[in-house]
């Protein structure tokens, strides 16, 4: 009976953890791009009207860690899709990918 209670307690704790979600926004520097007063340079992402700090999770690949680091000091925002969780005023990212915009495609007008 004690084992059943112990396992049910563990499952309840797991249910409290925030679920990983897909988050779309614009990444850049907290200070340089998003002009947050009294802030230091740090990777950040603007989602709707809110600006969140952007950090890599323990599960993030080396490429994701490098991409997030590249946003520190960036004066121009880059559209991104993030797989991660929102925790307070920070997004903890498992993966981050730049979103291709029309300006970044070749000039062939949609040819294959």
N, C-alpha and C. Protein backbone atom coordinates (compact mmCIF):
# COMPACT_ATOMS: atom_id res chain seq x y z
N UNK A 1 0.83 -1.18 0.00
CA UNK A 1 0.00 0.00 0.00
C UNK A 1 0.88 1.26 0.00
N UNK A 2 1.97 1.23 0.73
CA UNK A 2 2.88 2.37 0.77
C UNK A 2 3.49 2.67 -0.58
N UNK A 3 3.77 1.64 -1.38
CA UNK A 3 4.34 1.85 -2.70
C UNK A 3 3.35 2.54 -3.62
N UNK A 4 2.10 2.19 -3.54
CA UNK A 4 1.08 2.81 -4.38
C UNK A 4 0.99 4.30 -4.07
N UNK A 5 1.01 4.67 -2.82
CA UNK A 5 0.95 6.08 -2.43
C UNK A 5 2.19 6.83 -2.91
N UNK A 6 3.35 6.20 -2.81
CA UNK A 6 4.58 6.86 -3.24
C UNK A 6 4.54 7.13 -4.74
N UNK A 7 4.08 6.16 -5.51
CA UNK A 7 4.03 6.35 -6.96
C UNK A 7 2.97 7.37 -7.36
N UNK A 8 1.86 7.40 -6.67
CA UNK A 8 0.84 8.38 -7.02
C UNK A 8 1.33 9.79 -6.70
N UNK A 9 2.13 9.94 -5.66
CA UNK A 9 2.70 11.25 -5.34
C UNK A 9 3.66 11.72 -6.42
N UNK A 10 4.42 10.79 -6.99
CA UNK A 10 5.35 11.14 -8.05
C UNK A 10 4.60 11.59 -9.29
N UNK A 11 3.52 10.90 -9.63
CA UNK A 11 2.77 11.27 -10.83
C UNK A 11 2.10 12.63 -10.66
N UNK A 12 1.68 12.96 -9.46
CA UNK A 12 1.08 14.27 -9.22
C UNK A 12 2.13 15.37 -9.40
N UNK A 13 3.36 15.13 -8.95
CA UNK A 13 4.41 16.12 -9.09
C UNK A 13 4.74 16.33 -10.57
N UNK A 14 4.72 15.28 -11.36
CA UNK A 14 5.00 15.39 -12.79
C UNK A 14 3.92 16.20 -13.49
N UNK A 15 2.67 16.09 -13.02
CA UNK A 15 1.57 16.83 -13.63
C UNK A 15 1.72 18.34 -13.40
N UNK A 16 2.44 18.74 -12.34
CA UNK A 16 2.62 20.15 -12.03
C UNK A 16 3.65 20.82 -12.94
N UNK A 17 4.51 20.03 -13.60
CA UNK A 17 5.53 20.59 -14.48
C UNK A 17 4.87 21.18 -15.72
N UNK A 18 5.32 22.37 -16.16
CA UNK A 18 4.73 22.97 -17.35
C UNK A 18 5.01 22.13 -18.59
N UNK A 19 4.04 22.07 -19.48
CA UNK A 19 4.19 21.29 -20.70
C UNK A 19 5.00 22.05 -21.73
N UNK A 20 5.85 21.33 -22.47
CA UNK A 20 6.61 21.93 -23.56
C UNK A 20 5.62 22.36 -24.64
N UNK A 21 5.79 23.57 -25.15
CA UNK A 21 4.89 24.09 -26.17
C UNK A 21 5.69 24.75 -27.28
N UNK A 22 5.04 24.97 -28.41
CA UNK A 22 5.66 25.69 -29.51
C UNK A 22 5.33 27.18 -29.34
N UNK A 23 6.35 27.99 -29.30
CA UNK A 23 6.20 29.42 -29.06
C UNK A 23 6.81 30.17 -30.24
N UNK A 24 6.03 31.05 -30.85
CA UNK A 24 6.52 31.85 -31.96
C UNK A 24 6.76 33.27 -31.49
N UNK A 25 7.87 33.86 -31.91
CA UNK A 25 8.18 35.23 -31.53
C UNK A 25 9.37 35.76 -32.30
N UNK A 26 9.88 36.89 -31.84
CA UNK A 26 11.04 37.53 -32.45
C UNK A 26 12.15 37.58 -31.41
N UNK A 27 13.31 36.99 -31.74
CA UNK A 27 14.43 36.94 -30.81
C UNK A 27 15.43 38.04 -31.10
N UNK A 28 16.05 38.54 -30.04
CA UNK A 28 17.08 39.57 -30.15
C UNK A 28 17.67 39.80 -28.77
N UNK A 29 18.32 40.94 -28.61
CA UNK A 29 18.93 41.26 -27.33
C UNK A 29 17.94 42.00 -26.43
N UNK A 30 17.90 41.60 -25.18
CA UNK A 30 17.01 42.19 -24.18
C UNK A 30 17.19 43.70 -24.12
N UNK A 31 18.45 44.16 -24.14
CA UNK A 31 18.75 45.59 -24.02
C UNK A 31 18.81 46.28 -25.39
N UNK A 32 19.58 45.73 -26.32
CA UNK A 32 19.87 46.40 -27.59
C UNK A 32 18.70 46.39 -28.56
N UNK A 33 17.97 45.30 -28.61
CA UNK A 33 16.87 45.15 -29.57
C UNK A 33 15.54 45.61 -28.98
N UNK A 34 15.27 45.16 -27.77
CA UNK A 34 13.96 45.41 -27.17
C UNK A 34 13.95 46.61 -26.22
N UNK A 35 15.11 47.25 -26.05
CA UNK A 35 15.23 48.51 -25.32
C UNK A 35 14.65 48.46 -23.90
N UNK A 36 14.88 47.35 -23.21
CA UNK A 36 14.41 47.22 -21.82
C UNK A 36 15.33 48.06 -20.94
N UNK A 37 14.74 49.01 -20.23
CA UNK A 37 15.51 49.93 -19.40
C UNK A 37 16.21 49.20 -18.25
N UNK A 38 17.39 49.70 -17.90
CA UNK A 38 18.19 49.16 -16.80
C UNK A 38 18.48 47.67 -16.96
N UNK A 39 18.57 47.19 -18.19
CA UNK A 39 18.83 45.78 -18.45
C UNK A 39 20.24 45.59 -18.97
N UNK A 40 20.74 44.38 -18.84
CA UNK A 40 22.02 44.01 -19.42
C UNK A 40 21.75 43.25 -20.71
N UNK A 41 22.76 43.18 -21.56
CA UNK A 41 22.61 42.40 -22.79
C UNK A 41 22.37 40.93 -22.45
N UNK A 42 21.33 40.38 -23.04
CA UNK A 42 20.98 38.97 -22.83
C UNK A 42 20.06 38.55 -23.96
N UNK A 43 20.05 37.26 -24.27
CA UNK A 43 19.14 36.74 -25.28
C UNK A 43 17.71 36.88 -24.77
N UNK A 44 16.82 37.31 -25.66
CA UNK A 44 15.43 37.51 -25.29
C UNK A 44 14.54 37.22 -26.48
N UNK A 45 13.26 37.07 -26.21
CA UNK A 45 12.29 36.85 -27.28
C UNK A 45 11.02 37.62 -26.95
N UNK A 46 10.48 38.28 -27.97
CA UNK A 46 9.22 39.02 -27.81
C UNK A 46 8.10 38.16 -28.36
N UNK A 47 7.14 37.86 -27.51
CA UNK A 47 5.97 37.08 -27.87
C UNK A 47 4.76 37.98 -27.65
N UNK A 48 4.05 38.28 -28.72
CA UNK A 48 2.97 39.27 -28.67
C UNK A 48 3.55 40.59 -28.16
N UNK A 49 3.12 41.07 -27.01
CA UNK A 49 3.64 42.33 -26.47
C UNK A 49 4.59 42.12 -25.29
N UNK A 50 4.87 40.86 -24.95
CA UNK A 50 5.72 40.55 -23.79
C UNK A 50 7.12 40.16 -24.24
N UNK A 51 8.13 40.62 -23.48
CA UNK A 51 9.51 40.24 -23.74
C UNK A 51 9.97 39.31 -22.63
N UNK A 52 10.48 38.14 -23.03
CA UNK A 52 10.96 37.13 -22.09
C UNK A 52 12.46 36.93 -22.29
N UNK A 53 13.19 36.65 -21.22
CA UNK A 53 14.56 36.19 -21.36
C UNK A 53 14.51 34.83 -22.03
N UNK A 54 15.53 34.48 -22.79
CA UNK A 54 15.58 33.20 -23.51
C UNK A 54 16.81 32.44 -23.06
N UNK A 55 16.59 31.26 -22.51
CA UNK A 55 17.68 30.42 -22.03
C UNK A 55 17.53 29.01 -22.57
N UNK A 56 18.65 28.33 -22.76
CA UNK A 56 18.64 26.95 -23.23
C UNK A 56 18.39 26.00 -22.06
N UNK A 57 17.62 24.95 -22.32
CA UNK A 57 17.39 23.93 -21.30
C UNK A 57 18.57 22.97 -21.27
N UNK A 58 18.56 22.08 -20.32
CA UNK A 58 19.59 21.04 -20.24
C UNK A 58 19.50 20.08 -21.43
N UNK A 59 18.33 20.00 -22.05
CA UNK A 59 18.10 19.10 -23.19
C UNK A 59 18.49 19.72 -24.53
N UNK A 60 18.79 21.01 -24.55
CA UNK A 60 19.05 21.73 -25.80
C UNK A 60 20.34 21.24 -26.47
N UNK A 61 20.30 21.19 -27.80
CA UNK A 61 21.47 20.78 -28.57
C UNK A 61 22.52 21.91 -28.55
N UNK A 62 23.72 21.57 -28.96
CA UNK A 62 24.79 22.57 -29.03
C UNK A 62 24.43 23.68 -30.02
N UNK A 63 23.78 23.32 -31.13
CA UNK A 63 23.35 24.32 -32.12
C UNK A 63 22.34 25.29 -31.51
N UNK A 64 21.42 24.78 -30.70
CA UNK A 64 20.43 25.64 -30.05
C UNK A 64 21.11 26.58 -29.06
N UNK A 65 22.05 26.08 -28.30
CA UNK A 65 22.79 26.89 -27.33
C UNK A 65 23.53 28.02 -28.07
N UNK A 66 24.17 27.69 -29.19
CA UNK A 66 24.90 28.70 -29.97
C UNK A 66 23.95 29.73 -30.56
N UNK A 67 22.81 29.29 -31.07
CA UNK A 67 21.84 30.22 -31.65
C UNK A 67 21.32 31.18 -30.59
N UNK A 68 20.97 30.67 -29.43
CA UNK A 68 20.50 31.54 -28.34
C UNK A 68 21.59 32.54 -27.96
N UNK A 69 22.83 32.10 -27.86
CA UNK A 69 23.94 33.00 -27.51
C UNK A 69 24.11 34.09 -28.56
N UNK A 70 23.80 33.80 -29.81
CA UNK A 70 23.97 34.78 -30.88
C UNK A 70 22.99 35.95 -30.76
N UNK A 71 21.92 35.79 -30.03
CA UNK A 71 20.94 36.86 -29.86
C UNK A 71 21.40 37.92 -28.86
N UNK A 72 22.36 37.59 -28.00
CA UNK A 72 22.89 38.55 -27.03
C UNK A 72 23.64 39.63 -27.81
N UNK A 73 23.23 40.88 -27.66
CA UNK A 73 23.86 41.98 -28.36
C UNK A 73 23.28 42.27 -29.74
N UNK A 74 22.34 41.46 -30.20
CA UNK A 74 21.73 41.65 -31.52
C UNK A 74 20.76 42.83 -31.48
N UNK A 75 20.96 43.78 -32.38
CA UNK A 75 20.10 44.96 -32.42
C UNK A 75 18.86 44.75 -33.28
N UNK A 76 18.87 43.70 -34.09
CA UNK A 76 17.75 43.42 -34.99
C UNK A 76 17.06 42.12 -34.57
N UNK A 77 15.74 42.12 -34.57
CA UNK A 77 14.96 40.93 -34.17
C UNK A 77 14.93 39.91 -35.29
N UNK A 78 14.96 38.64 -34.91
CA UNK A 78 14.90 37.52 -35.84
C UNK A 78 13.68 36.67 -35.50
N UNK A 79 12.79 36.41 -36.48
CA UNK A 79 11.64 35.54 -36.20
C UNK A 79 12.11 34.11 -35.88
N UNK A 80 11.55 33.54 -34.80
CA UNK A 80 11.94 32.20 -34.37
C UNK A 80 10.72 31.39 -33.93
N UNK A 81 10.91 30.08 -33.92
CA UNK A 81 9.96 29.15 -33.33
C UNK A 81 10.74 28.40 -32.25
N UNK A 82 10.17 28.38 -31.06
CA UNK A 82 10.83 27.79 -29.90
C UNK A 82 10.00 26.63 -29.39
N UNK A 83 10.66 25.53 -29.06
CA UNK A 83 10.00 24.44 -28.33
C UNK A 83 10.56 24.52 -26.92
N UNK A 84 9.67 24.91 -25.99
CA UNK A 84 10.12 25.09 -24.62
C UNK A 84 8.98 25.40 -23.69
N UNK A 85 9.34 25.90 -22.52
CA UNK A 85 8.34 26.22 -21.51
C UNK A 85 8.55 27.65 -21.02
N UNK A 86 7.45 28.31 -20.67
CA UNK A 86 7.50 29.63 -20.06
C UNK A 86 7.56 29.42 -18.55
N UNK A 87 8.53 30.06 -17.92
CA UNK A 87 8.66 29.98 -16.47
C UNK A 87 8.95 31.38 -15.97
N UNK A 88 7.98 31.96 -15.29
CA UNK A 88 8.07 33.35 -14.84
C UNK A 88 8.26 34.25 -16.06
N UNK A 89 9.35 35.00 -16.11
CA UNK A 89 9.60 35.91 -17.23
C UNK A 89 10.70 35.38 -18.13
N UNK A 90 10.85 34.05 -18.17
CA UNK A 90 11.89 33.39 -18.96
C UNK A 90 11.28 32.26 -19.76
N UNK A 91 11.79 32.06 -20.97
CA UNK A 91 11.43 30.89 -21.76
C UNK A 91 12.65 29.98 -21.75
N UNK A 92 12.45 28.75 -21.28
CA UNK A 92 13.50 27.73 -21.25
C UNK A 92 13.31 26.88 -22.50
N UNK A 93 14.26 26.96 -23.43
CA UNK A 93 14.10 26.35 -24.75
C UNK A 93 14.82 25.02 -24.88
N UNK A 94 14.10 24.01 -25.38
CA UNK A 94 14.72 22.75 -25.76
C UNK A 94 15.28 22.87 -27.17
N UNK A 95 14.59 23.65 -28.03
CA UNK A 95 15.01 23.84 -29.41
C UNK A 95 14.56 25.21 -29.89
N UNK A 96 15.39 25.85 -30.72
CA UNK A 96 15.06 27.13 -31.33
C UNK A 96 15.43 27.04 -32.80
N UNK A 97 14.53 27.52 -33.66
CA UNK A 97 14.81 27.55 -35.09
C UNK A 97 14.40 28.90 -35.66
N UNK A 98 15.25 29.43 -36.54
CA UNK A 98 14.89 30.67 -37.23
C UNK A 98 13.76 30.36 -38.20
N UNK A 99 12.85 31.32 -38.35
CA UNK A 99 11.75 31.19 -39.29
C UNK A 99 12.18 31.86 -40.59
N UNK A 100 12.06 31.13 -41.67
CA UNK A 100 12.42 31.69 -42.96
C UNK A 100 11.37 32.71 -43.39
N UNK A 101 11.84 33.88 -43.75
CA UNK A 101 10.91 34.91 -44.22
C UNK A 101 11.07 35.05 -45.73
N UNK A 102 10.15 35.74 -46.38
CA UNK A 102 10.19 35.90 -47.83
C UNK A 102 11.46 36.59 -48.30
N UNK A 103 12.01 37.49 -47.49
CA UNK A 103 13.24 38.19 -47.85
C UNK A 103 14.42 37.24 -47.93
N UNK A 104 14.37 36.12 -47.19
CA UNK A 104 15.50 35.19 -47.15
C UNK A 104 15.45 34.16 -48.27
N UNK A 105 14.36 34.06 -49.01
CA UNK A 105 14.26 33.07 -50.07
C UNK A 105 14.97 33.58 -51.32
N UNK A 106 15.26 32.68 -52.24
CA UNK A 106 15.94 33.07 -53.47
C UNK A 106 15.02 33.91 -54.33
N UNK A 107 15.60 34.59 -55.29
CA UNK A 107 14.85 35.51 -56.13
C UNK A 107 14.16 34.85 -57.32
N UNK A 108 13.96 33.55 -57.30
CA UNK A 108 13.40 32.88 -58.47
C UNK A 108 11.87 32.96 -58.52
N UNK A 109 11.24 33.52 -57.51
CA UNK A 109 9.79 33.70 -57.55
C UNK A 109 8.99 32.42 -57.37
N UNK A 110 9.53 31.45 -56.65
CA UNK A 110 8.77 30.24 -56.35
C UNK A 110 9.08 29.06 -57.24
N UNK A 111 10.12 29.15 -58.06
CA UNK A 111 10.45 28.01 -58.92
C UNK A 111 11.11 26.91 -58.10
N UNK A 112 11.08 25.71 -58.61
CA UNK A 112 11.69 24.58 -57.88
C UNK A 112 13.03 24.24 -58.43
